[in-house]
Amino acid sequence: MFDFRHITCECNCMQINYFTLGIIAVVLLALVIWLVWRNRKDEKAFEKDEIDSSMVDPEDPEKE
């Protein structure tokens, strides 16, 4: 018969360091939050510039 004891994986090479994994996860999360915050800030500045530039009254060619 077939012996199932030889099928079990006894590989100890994949030990996960959860502390390092946690630090990497926190850094990646902080990076994503920073990028989203910066994008929103830049978008608000862009919209403000667009509104300010559209407020300038163009000269009406019919008045001349």
PDB file of N, CA and C in Angstrom:
ATOM      1  N   MET A   1       0.841  -1.195   0.000  1.00  0.00           N
ATOM      2  CA  MET A   1       0.000   0.000   0.000  1.00  0.00           C
ATOM      3  C   MET A   1       0.878   1.248   0.000  1.00  0.00           C
ATOM      4  N   PHE A   2       0.223   2.356  -0.294  1.00  0.00           N
ATOM      5  CA  PHE A   2       0.924   3.636  -0.354  1.00  0.00           C
ATOM      6  C   PHE A   2       0.999   4.253   1.028  1.00  0.00           C
ATOM      7  N   ASP A   3       2.164   4.743   1.399  1.00  0.00           N
ATOM      8  CA  ASP A   3       2.362   5.323   2.727  1.00  0.00           C
ATOM      9  C   ASP A   3       2.199   6.846   2.647  1.00  0.00           C
ATOM     10  N   PHE A   4       1.182   7.398   3.302  1.00  0.00           N
ATOM     11  CA  PHE A   4       0.887   8.822   3.250  1.00  0.00           C
ATOM     12  C   PHE A   4       1.829   9.671   4.110  1.00  0.00           C
ATOM     13  N   ARG A   5       2.629   9.059   4.949  1.00  0.00           N
ATOM     14  CA  ARG A   5       3.552   9.834   5.788  1.00  0.00           C
ATOM     15  C   ARG A   5       4.623  10.525   4.960  1.00  0.00           C
ATOM     16  N   HIS A   6       4.903  10.036   3.785  1.00  0.00           N
ATOM     17  CA  HIS A   6       5.947  10.635   2.954  1.00  0.00           C
ATOM     18  C   HIS A   6       5.430  11.812   2.137  1.00  0.00           C
ATOM     19  N   ILE A   7       4.123  12.027   2.137  1.00  0.00           N
ATOM     20  CA  ILE A   7       3.539  13.116   1.362  1.00  0.00           C
ATOM     21  C   ILE A   7       3.596  14.435   2.137  1.00  0.00           C
ATOM     22  N   THR A   8       3.585  14.362   3.427  1.00  0.00           N
ATOM     23  CA  THR A   8       3.533  15.589   4.226  1.00  0.00           C
ATOM     24  C   THR A   8       4.747  16.461   3.940  1.00  0.00           C
ATOM     25  N   CYS A   9       4.483  17.747   3.849  1.00  0.00           N
ATOM     26  CA  CYS A   9       5.544  18.712   3.538  1.00  0.00           C
ATOM     27  C   CYS A   9       6.189  19.157   4.842  1.00  0.00           C
ATOM     28  N   GLU A  10       7.455  18.911   4.956  1.00  0.00           N
ATOM     29  CA  GLU A  10       8.186  19.322   6.147  1.00  0.00           C
ATOM     30  C   GLU A  10       9.188  20.409   5.785  1.00  0.00           C
ATOM     31  N   CYS A  11       8.739  21.351   4.999  1.00  0.00           N
ATOM     32  CA  CYS A  11       9.608  22.430   4.550  1.00  0.00           C
ATOM     33  C   CYS A  11       9.579  23.555   5.578  1.00  0.00           C
ATOM     34  N   ASN A  12      10.672  23.784   6.251  1.00  0.00           N
ATOM     35  CA  ASN A  12      10.775  24.858   7.236  1.00  0.00           C
ATOM     36  C   ASN A  12      11.422  26.108   6.651  1.00  0.00           C
ATOM     37  N   CYS A  13      11.611  26.126   5.337  1.00  0.00           N
ATOM     38  CA  CYS A  13      12.274  27.273   4.719  1.00  0.00           C
ATOM     39  C   CYS A  13      11.337  28.461   4.560  1.00  0.00           C
ATOM     40  N   MET A  14      10.037  28.306   4.708  1.00  0.00           N
ATOM     41  CA  MET A  14       9.077  29.396   4.538  1.00  0.00           C
ATOM     42  C   MET A  14       8.564  29.901   5.881  1.00  0.00           C
ATOM     43  N   GLN A  15       9.458  30.249   6.759  1.00  0.00           N
ATOM     44  CA  GLN A  15       9.043  30.827   8.030  1.00  0.00           C
ATOM     45  C   GLN A  15       8.791  32.317   7.818  1.00  0.00           C
ATOM     46  N   ILE A  16       7.607  32.767   8.151  1.00  0.00           N
ATOM     47  CA  ILE A  16       7.211  34.144   7.902  1.00  0.00           C
ATOM     48  C   ILE A  16       7.533  34.982   9.130  1.00  0.00           C
ATOM     49  N   ASN A  17       8.243  36.067   8.905  1.00  0.00           N
ATOM     50  CA  ASN A  17       8.527  37.010   9.973  1.00  0.00           C
ATOM     51  C   ASN A  17       7.387  38.029   9.981  1.00  0.00           C
ATOM     52  N   TYR A  18       6.433  37.837  10.893  1.00  0.00           N
ATOM     53  CA  TYR A  18       5.239  38.668  10.912  1.00  0.00           C
ATOM     54  C   TYR A  18       5.551  40.104  11.323  1.00  0.00           C
ATOM     55  N   PHE A  19       6.562  40.324  12.105  1.00  0.00           N
ATOM     56  CA  PHE A  19       6.943  41.685  12.495  1.00  0.00           C
ATOM     57  C   PHE A  19       7.384  42.481  11.269  1.00  0.00           C
ATOM     58  N   THR A  20       8.256  41.896  10.456  1.00  0.00           N
ATOM     59  CA  THR A  20       8.719  42.566   9.242  1.00  0.00           C
ATOM     60  C   THR A  20       7.567  42.745   8.264  1.00  0.00           C
ATOM     61  N   LEU A  21       6.734  41.740   8.126  1.00  0.00           N
ATOM     62  CA  LEU A  21       5.574  41.827   7.250  1.00  0.00           C
ATOM     63  C   LEU A  21       4.629  42.936   7.711  1.00  0.00           C
ATOM     64  N   GLY A  22       4.453  43.083   9.003  1.00  0.00           N
ATOM     65  CA  GLY A  22       3.609  44.145   9.550  1.00  0.00           C
ATOM     66  C   GLY A  22       4.183  45.527   9.271  1.00  0.00           C
ATOM     67  N   ILE A  23       5.495  45.669   9.431  1.00  0.00           N
ATOM     68  CA  ILE A  23       6.137  46.957   9.157  1.00  0.00           C
ATOM     69  C   ILE A  23       5.987  47.312   7.675  1.00  0.00           C
ATOM     70  N   ILE A  24       6.193  46.352   6.799  1.00  0.00           N
ATOM     71  CA  ILE A  24       6.048  46.603   5.363  1.00  0.00           C
ATOM     72  C   ILE A  24       4.606  46.982   5.030  1.00  0.00           C
ATOM     73  N   ALA A  25       3.650  46.316   5.642  1.00  0.00           N
ATOM     74  CA  ALA A  25       2.239  46.621   5.395  1.00  0.00           C
ATOM     75  C   ALA A  25       1.903  48.036   5.858  1.00  0.00           C
ATOM     76  N   VAL A  26       2.424  48.440   7.016  1.00  0.00           N
ATOM     77  CA  VAL A  26       2.158  49.787   7.529  1.00  0.00           C
ATOM     78  C   VAL A  26       2.796  50.832   6.616  1.00  0.00           C
ATOM     79  N   VAL A  27       4.011  50.581   6.155  1.00  0.00           N
ATOM     80  CA  VAL A  27       4.684  51.524   5.262  1.00  0.00           C
ATOM     81  C   VAL A  27       3.923  51.645   3.941  1.00  0.00           C
ATOM     82  N   LEU A  28       3.494  50.526   3.388  1.00  0.00           N
ATOM     83  CA  LEU A  28       2.729  50.572   2.144  1.00  0.00           C
ATOM     84  C   LEU A  28       1.393  51.289   2.326  1.00  0.00           C
ATOM     85  N   LEU A  29       0.730  51.058   3.436  1.00  0.00           N
ATOM     86  CA  LEU A  29      -0.525  51.745   3.717  1.00  0.00           C
ATOM     87  C   LEU A  29      -0.305  53.245   3.850  1.00  0.00           C
ATOM     88  N   ALA A  30       0.767  53.639   4.540  1.00  0.00           N
ATOM     89  CA  ALA A  30       1.093  55.057   4.682  1.00  0.00           C
ATOM     90  C   ALA A  30       1.394  55.678   3.320  1.00  0.00           C
ATOM     91  N   LEU A  31       2.078  54.956   2.464  1.00  0.00           N
ATOM     92  CA  LEU A  31       2.390  55.456   1.124  1.00  0.00           C
ATOM     93  C   LEU A  31       1.116  55.678   0.312  1.00  0.00           C
ATOM     94  N   VAL A  32       0.197  54.739   0.371  1.00  0.00           N
ATOM     95  CA  VAL A  32      -1.063  54.876  -0.359  1.00  0.00           C
ATOM     96  C   VAL A  32      -1.859  56.063   0.171  1.00  0.00           C
ATOM     97  N   ILE A  33      -1.935  56.207   1.489  1.00  0.00           N
ATOM     98  CA  ILE A  33      -2.670  57.335   2.079  1.00  0.00           C
ATOM     99  C   ILE A  33      -2.024  58.652   1.676  1.00  0.00           C
ATOM    100  N   TRP A  34      -0.696  58.716   1.696  1.00  0.00           N
ATOM    101  CA  TRP A  34       0.008  59.942   1.317  1.00  0.00           C
ATOM    102  C   TRP A  34      -0.240  60.293  -0.153  1.00  0.00           C
ATOM    103  N   LEU A  35      -0.214  59.287  -1.014  1.00  0.00           N
ATOM    104  CA  LEU A  35      -0.450  59.538  -2.438  1.00  0.00           C
ATOM    105  C   LEU A  35      -1.877  60.025  -2.692  1.00  0.00           C
ATOM    106  N   VAL A  36      -2.853  59.438  -2.021  1.00  0.00           N
ATOM    107  CA  VAL A  36      -4.243  59.873  -2.187  1.00  0.00           C
ATOM    108  C   VAL A  36      -4.404  61.296  -1.673  1.00  0.00           C
ATOM    109  N   TRP A  37      -3.820  61.609  -0.521  1.00  0.00           N
ATOM    110  CA  TRP A  37      -3.911  62.945   0.050  1.00  0.00           C
ATOM    111  C   TRP A  37      -3.263  63.978  -0.877  1.00  0.00           C
ATOM    112  N   ARG A  38      -2.105  63.645  -1.417  1.00  0.00           N
ATOM    113  CA  ARG A  38      -1.395  64.556  -2.312  1.00  0.00           C
ATOM    114  C   ARG A  38      -2.184  64.759  -3.604  1.00  0.00           C
ATOM    115  N   ASN A  39      -2.785  63.695  -4.125  1.00  0.00           N
ATOM    116  CA  ASN A  39      -3.577  63.806  -5.338  1.00  0.00           C
ATOM    117  C   ASN A  39      -4.777  64.714  -5.125  1.00  0.00           C
ATOM    118  N   ARG A  40      -5.454  64.580  -4.004  1.00  0.00           N
ATOM    119  CA  ARG A  40      -6.604  65.440  -3.721  1.00  0.00           C
ATOM    120  C   ARG A  40      -6.180  66.892  -3.571  1.00  0.00           C
ATOM    121  N   LYS A  41      -5.055  67.107  -2.925  1.00  0.00           N
ATOM    122  CA  LYS A  41      -4.533  68.465  -2.747  1.00  0.00           C
ATOM    123  C   LYS A  41      -4.209  69.084  -4.105  1.00  0.00           C
ATOM    124  N   ASP A  42      -3.542  68.330  -4.966  1.00  0.00           N
ATOM    125  CA  ASP A  42      -3.206  68.827  -6.297  1.00  0.00           C
ATOM    126  C   ASP A  42      -4.461  69.058  -7.136  1.00  0.00           C
ATOM    127  N   GLU A  43      -5.451  68.197  -6.989  1.00  0.00           N
ATOM    128  CA  GLU A  43      -6.687  68.347  -7.743  1.00  0.00           C
ATOM    129  C   GLU A  43      -7.427  69.613  -7.319  1.00  0.00           C
ATOM    130  N   LYS A  44      -7.453  69.892  -6.014  1.00  0.00           N
ATOM    131  CA  LYS A  44      -8.101  71.114  -5.535  1.00  0.00           C
ATOM    132  C   LYS A  44      -7.368  72.348  -6.050  1.00  0.00           C
ATOM    133  N   ALA A  45      -6.051  72.314  -6.055  1.00  0.00           N
ATOM    134  CA  ALA A  45      -5.276  73.444  -6.565  1.00  0.00           C
ATOM    135  C   ALA A  45      -5.530  73.629  -8.062  1.00  0.00           C
ATOM    136  N   PHE A  46      -5.616  72.542  -8.803  1.00  0.00           N
ATOM    137  CA  PHE A  46      -5.893  72.614 -10.235  1.00  0.00           C
ATOM    138  C   PHE A  46      -7.277  73.206 -10.483  1.00  0.00           C
ATOM    139  N   GLU A  47      -8.275  72.744  -9.734  1.00  0.00           N
ATOM    140  CA  GLU A  47      -9.625  73.267  -9.904  1.00  0.00           C
ATOM    141  C   GLU A  47      -9.687  74.745  -9.564  1.00  0.00           C
ATOM    142  N   LYS A  48      -8.971  75.148  -8.519  1.00  0.00           N
ATOM    143  CA  LYS A  48      -8.941  76.565  -8.139  1.00  0.00           C
ATOM    144  C   LYS A  48      -8.309  77.392  -9.248  1.00  0.00           C
ATOM    145  N   ASP A  49      -7.235  76.906  -9.831  1.00  0.00           N
ATOM    146  CA  ASP A  49      -6.598  77.622 -10.936  1.00  0.00           C
ATOM    147  C   ASP A  49      -7.525  77.710 -12.143  1.00  0.00           C
ATOM    148  N   GLU A  50      -8.253  76.652 -12.419  1.00  0.00           N
ATOM    149  CA  GLU A  50      -9.183  76.668 -13.547  1.00  0.00           C
ATOM    150  C   GLU A  50     -10.310  77.661 -13.314  1.00  0.00           C
ATOM    151  N   ILE A  51     -10.835  77.707 -12.105  1.00  0.00           N
ATOM    152  CA  ILE A  51     -11.906  78.649 -11.790  1.00  0.00           C
ATOM    153  C   ILE A  51     -11.385  80.076 -11.882  1.00  0.00           C
ATOM    154  N   ASP A  52     -10.205  80.313 -11.343  1.00  0.00           N
ATOM    155  CA  ASP A  52      -9.623  81.652 -11.395  1.00  0.00           C
ATOM    156  C   ASP A  52      -9.359  82.093 -12.823  1.00  0.00           C
ATOM    157  N   SER A  53      -8.897  81.196 -13.668  1.00  0.00           N
ATOM    158  CA  SER A  53      -8.613  81.569 -15.053  1.00  0.00           C
ATOM    159  C   SER A  53      -9.888  81.765 -15.857  1.00  0.00           C
ATOM    160  N   SER A  54     -10.967  81.111 -15.468  1.00  0.00           N
ATOM    161  CA  SER A  54     -12.223  81.291 -16.198  1.00  0.00           C
ATOM    162  C   SER A  54     -12.965  82.533 -15.732  1.00  0.00           C
ATOM    163  N   MET A  55     -12.612  83.097 -14.594  1.00  0.00           N
ATOM    164  CA  MET A  55     -13.242  84.310 -14.084  1.00  0.00           C
ATOM    165  C   MET A  55     -12.799  85.552 -14.850  1.00  0.00           C
ATOM    166  N   VAL A  56     -11.686  85.489 -15.533  1.00  0.00           N
ATOM    167  CA  VAL A  56     -11.205  86.627 -16.299  1.00  0.00           C
ATOM    168  C   VAL A  56     -12.157  86.837 -17.469  1.00  0.00           C
ATOM    169  N   ASP A  57     -12.683  88.055 -17.562  1.00  0.00           N
ATOM    170  CA  ASP A  57     -13.639  88.345 -18.629  1.00  0.00           C
ATOM    171  C   ASP A  57     -12.911  88.513 -19.949  1.00  0.00           C
ATOM    172  N   PRO A  58     -13.210  87.636 -20.878  1.00  0.00           N
ATOM    173  CA  PRO A  58     -12.595  87.824 -22.191  1.00  0.00           C
ATOM    174  C   PRO A  58     -13.227  89.028 -22.888  1.00  0.00           C
ATOM    175  N   GLU A  59     -12.433  89.688 -23.663  1.00  0.00           N
ATOM    176  CA  GLU A  59     -12.973  90.852 -24.367  1.00  0.00           C
ATOM    177  C   GLU A  59     -13.957  90.386 -25.430  1.00  0.00           C
ATOM    178  N   ASP A  60     -15.070  91.063 -25.461  1.00  0.00           N
ATOM    179  CA  ASP A  60     -16.119  90.697 -26.418  1.00  0.00           C
ATOM    180  C   ASP A  60     -15.785  91.336 -27.769  1.00  0.00           C
ATOM    181  N   PRO A  61     -15.605  90.561 -28.814  1.00  0.00           N
ATOM    182  CA  PRO A  61     -15.252  91.137 -30.104  1.00  0.00           C
ATOM    183  C   PRO A  61     -16.367  91.981 -30.718  1.00  0.00           C
ATOM    184  N   GLU A  62     -17.604  91.809 -30.271  1.00  0.00           N
ATOM    185  CA  GLU A  62     -18.723  92.582 -30.819  1.00  0.00           C
ATOM    186  C   GLU A  62     -18.720  94.019 -30.314  1.00  0.00           C
ATOM    187  N   LYS A  63     -18.070  94.276 -29.190  1.00  0.00           N
ATOM    188  CA  LYS A  63     -18.061  95.622 -28.613  1.00  0.00           C
ATOM    189  C   LYS A  63     -17.102  96.535 -29.362  1.00  0.00           C
ATOM    190  N   GLU A  64     -16.205  96.023 -30.090  1.00  0.00           N
ATOM    191  CA  GLU A  64     -15.211  96.841 -30.777  1.00  0.00           C
ATOM    192  C   GLU A  64     -15.733  97.426 -32.023  1.00  0.00           C
TER     193      GLU A  64
END
